[in-house]
């Protein structure tokens, strides 16, 4: 169950965004989902270990949605203020393995 802070009178601002693709992987699994991230509140340094701690139960919660509109509907239902962050357009460059060994002047890089 998701805890609503509407009863406590807090105004939480959430960010709705599409997570970036993992740069270490070639696949696009999970990059078409939309995610909600709450703003972090009440962070403090733990005096015993020096770790960053929080008393906020929503600080580590991330919810996934199939579309941005579904995430907006969720925020409207529970009374959260939201900000939609549109993803940046991806520019794909065509790469060819053979260009690594090309003998043309525009592709060759002198390494002296």
C-alpha atoms as a PDB file:
ATOM      1  CA  UNK A   1       0.000   0.000   0.000  1.00  0.00           C
ATOM      2  CA  UNK A   2       1.212   3.469  -0.853  1.00  0.00           C
ATOM      3  CA  UNK A   3       1.155   6.018   1.930  1.00  0.00           C
ATOM      4  CA  UNK A   4      -0.626   9.226   1.033  1.00  0.00           C
ATOM      5  CA  UNK A   5       0.676  12.383   2.670  1.00  0.00           C
ATOM      6  CA  UNK A   6      -2.517  14.235   1.832  1.00  0.00           C
ATOM      7  CA  UNK A   7      -3.863  13.594   5.335  1.00  0.00           C
ATOM      8  CA  UNK A   8      -0.809  15.178   6.966  1.00  0.00           C
ATOM      9  CA  UNK A   9      -1.162  18.368   4.956  1.00  0.00           C
ATOM     10  CA  UNK A  10       2.223  18.074   3.248  1.00  0.00           C
ATOM     11  CA  UNK A  11       2.478  19.112  -0.371  1.00  0.00           C
ATOM     12  CA  UNK A  12       4.789  16.645  -2.072  1.00  0.00           C
ATOM     13  CA  UNK A  13       6.148  17.407  -5.517  1.00  0.00           C
ATOM     14  CA  UNK A  14       6.883  14.341  -7.606  1.00  0.00           C
ATOM     15  CA  UNK A  15       8.866  14.101 -10.818  1.00  0.00           C
ATOM     16  CA  UNK A  16       7.473  11.984 -13.636  1.00  0.00           C
ATOM     17  CA  UNK A  17      10.261  10.934 -15.975  1.00  0.00           C
ATOM     18  CA  UNK A  18      11.366   8.222 -18.358  1.00  0.00           C
ATOM     19  CA  UNK A  19      14.568   6.547 -17.085  1.00  0.00           C
ATOM     20  CA  UNK A  20      17.585   6.505 -19.366  1.00  0.00           C
ATOM     21  CA  UNK A  21      18.823   3.327 -20.971  1.00  0.00           C
ATOM     22  CA  UNK A  22      21.709   1.616 -19.212  1.00  0.00           C
ATOM     23  CA  UNK A  23      24.853   2.597 -21.126  1.00  0.00           C
ATOM     24  CA  UNK A  24      26.533  -0.706 -20.301  1.00  0.00           C
ATOM     25  CA  UNK A  25      23.826  -2.734 -22.066  1.00  0.00           C
ATOM     26  CA  UNK A  26      22.762  -2.728 -25.713  1.00  0.00           C
ATOM     27  CA  UNK A  27      19.114  -3.610 -25.050  1.00  0.00           C
ATOM     28  CA  UNK A  28      16.272  -1.193 -24.394  1.00  0.00           C
ATOM     29  CA  UNK A  29      14.328  -3.257 -21.836  1.00  0.00           C
ATOM     30  CA  UNK A  30      12.652  -1.047 -19.257  1.00  0.00           C
ATOM     31  CA  UNK A  31      13.448   2.210 -21.037  1.00  0.00           C
ATOM     32  CA  UNK A  32       9.869   2.658 -22.274  1.00  0.00           C
ATOM     33  CA  UNK A  33       8.377   2.900 -18.782  1.00  0.00           C
ATOM     34  CA  UNK A  34       7.599   6.102 -16.943  1.00  0.00           C
ATOM     35  CA  UNK A  35       8.674   6.473 -13.324  1.00  0.00           C
ATOM     36  CA  UNK A  36       7.601   8.609 -10.375  1.00  0.00           C
ATOM     37  CA  UNK A  37      10.229   9.925  -7.958  1.00  0.00           C
ATOM     38  CA  UNK A  38       9.323  11.856  -4.810  1.00  0.00           C
ATOM     39  CA  UNK A  39      11.383  14.785  -3.600  1.00  0.00           C
ATOM     40  CA  UNK A  40      13.500  13.847  -0.614  1.00  0.00           C
ATOM     41  CA  UNK A  41      12.768  15.500   2.687  1.00  0.00           C
ATOM     42  CA  UNK A  42      14.267  15.400   6.156  1.00  0.00           C
ATOM     43  CA  UNK A  43      17.719  14.059   5.308  1.00  0.00           C
ATOM     44  CA  UNK A  44      20.233  14.073   8.119  1.00  0.00           C
ATOM     45  CA  UNK A  45      23.608  12.529   8.854  1.00  0.00           C
ATOM     46  CA  UNK A  46      23.574   9.594  11.206  1.00  0.00           C
ATOM     47  CA  UNK A  47      25.911  10.566  14.074  1.00  0.00           C
ATOM     48  CA  UNK A  48      27.000   6.969  14.783  1.00  0.00           C
ATOM     49  CA  UNK A  49      28.087   5.837  11.297  1.00  0.00           C
ATOM     50  CA  UNK A  50      28.039   9.052   9.282  1.00  0.00           C
ATOM     51  CA  UNK A  51      25.529   7.655   6.781  1.00  0.00           C
ATOM     52  CA  UNK A  52      22.813   9.768   5.206  1.00  0.00           C
ATOM     53  CA  UNK A  53      19.529   8.820   6.877  1.00  0.00           C
ATOM     54  CA  UNK A  54      15.935   9.864   6.467  1.00  0.00           C
ATOM     55  CA  UNK A  55      12.649   9.521   8.318  1.00  0.00           C
ATOM     56  CA  UNK A  56      10.700   9.886   5.084  1.00  0.00           C
ATOM     57  CA  UNK A  57       9.096   6.615   3.901  1.00  0.00           C
ATOM     58  CA  UNK A  58       8.611   7.905   0.336  1.00  0.00           C
ATOM     59  CA  UNK A  59      12.221   8.959  -0.265  1.00  0.00           C
ATOM     60  CA  UNK A  60      13.305   5.566  -1.621  1.00  0.00           C
ATOM     61  CA  UNK A  61      10.045   4.673  -3.387  1.00  0.00           C
ATOM     62  CA  UNK A  62       9.872   4.617  -7.190  1.00  0.00           C
ATOM     63  CA  UNK A  63       6.739   3.541  -9.057  1.00  0.00           C
ATOM     64  CA  UNK A  64       6.711   2.453 -12.707  1.00  0.00           C
ATOM     65  CA  UNK A  65       3.885   3.209 -15.148  1.00  0.00           C
ATOM     66  CA  UNK A  66       3.244   2.232 -18.744  1.00  0.00           C
ATOM     67  CA  UNK A  67       2.609   5.833 -19.852  1.00  0.00           C
ATOM     68  CA  UNK A  68       3.063   9.385 -18.636  1.00  0.00           C
ATOM     69  CA  UNK A  69      -0.716   9.849 -18.557  1.00  0.00           C
ATOM     70  CA  UNK A  70      -1.095   6.898 -16.157  1.00  0.00           C
ATOM     71  CA  UNK A  71       1.453   8.509 -13.832  1.00  0.00           C
ATOM     72  CA  UNK A  72      -0.347  11.867 -14.037  1.00  0.00           C
ATOM     73  CA  UNK A  73      -3.651  10.144 -13.217  1.00  0.00           C
ATOM     74  CA  UNK A  74      -2.027   8.510 -10.178  1.00  0.00           C
ATOM     75  CA  UNK A  75      -0.742  11.881  -8.930  1.00  0.00           C
ATOM     76  CA  UNK A  76      -4.140  13.494  -9.431  1.00  0.00           C
ATOM     77  CA  UNK A  77      -5.865  10.639  -7.581  1.00  0.00           C
ATOM     78  CA  UNK A  78      -3.649  10.948  -4.503  1.00  0.00           C
ATOM     79  CA  UNK A  79      -3.292  14.751  -4.553  1.00  0.00           C
ATOM     80  CA  UNK A  80       0.397  15.058  -5.392  1.00  0.00           C
ATOM     81  CA  UNK A  81       1.758  18.015  -7.302  1.00  0.00           C
ATOM     82  CA  UNK A  82       3.735  16.741 -10.265  1.00  0.00           C
ATOM     83  CA  UNK A  83       6.275  17.824 -12.830  1.00  0.00           C
ATOM     84  CA  UNK A  84       6.621  15.894 -16.104  1.00  0.00           C
ATOM     85  CA  UNK A  85      10.185  15.743 -17.432  1.00  0.00           C
ATOM     86  CA  UNK A  86      10.154  14.955 -21.144  1.00  0.00           C
ATOM     87  CA  UNK A  87      12.949  12.654 -22.372  1.00  0.00           C
ATOM     88  CA  UNK A  88      15.681  14.078 -24.547  1.00  0.00           C
ATOM     89  CA  UNK A  89      15.664  12.862 -28.157  1.00  0.00           C
ATOM     90  CA  UNK A  90      18.153  10.102 -28.849  1.00  0.00           C
ATOM     91  CA  UNK A  91      20.482  10.551 -31.806  1.00  0.00           C
ATOM     92  CA  UNK A  92      21.802   7.251 -33.087  1.00  0.00           C
ATOM     93  CA  UNK A  93      24.968   7.205 -35.160  1.00  0.00           C
ATOM     94  CA  UNK A  94      25.437   4.510 -37.752  1.00  0.00           C
ATOM     95  CA  UNK A  95      28.565   2.565 -36.966  1.00  0.00           C
ATOM     96  CA  UNK A  96      30.427   0.094 -39.091  1.00  0.00           C
ATOM     97  CA  UNK A  97      33.143  -2.235 -37.874  1.00  0.00           C
ATOM     98  CA  UNK A  98      34.898  -1.909 -41.212  1.00  0.00           C
ATOM     99  CA  UNK A  99      35.475   1.829 -40.657  1.00  0.00           C
ATOM    100  CA  UNK A 100      38.025   0.927 -37.978  1.00  0.00           C
ATOM    101  CA  UNK A 101      40.306  -0.364 -40.755  1.00  0.00           C
ATOM    102  CA  UNK A 102      39.433   2.107 -43.522  1.00  0.00           C
ATOM    103  CA  UNK A 103      42.287   3.533 -45.585  1.00  0.00           C
ATOM    104  CA  UNK A 104      40.551   6.727 -46.600  1.00  0.00           C
ATOM    105  CA  UNK A 105      41.852  10.076 -45.394  1.00  0.00           C
ATOM    106  CA  UNK A 106      38.576  11.211 -43.827  1.00  0.00           C
ATOM    107  CA  UNK A 107      38.295   8.078 -41.645  1.00  0.00           C
ATOM    108  CA  UNK A 108      41.971   7.568 -40.825  1.00  0.00           C
ATOM    109  CA  UNK A 109      43.409   9.063 -37.639  1.00  0.00           C
ATOM    110  CA  UNK A 110      47.164   9.521 -37.415  1.00  0.00           C
ATOM    111  CA  UNK A 111      48.436   8.351 -34.036  1.00  0.00           C
ATOM    112  CA  UNK A 112      51.963   9.842 -34.059  1.00  0.00           C
END
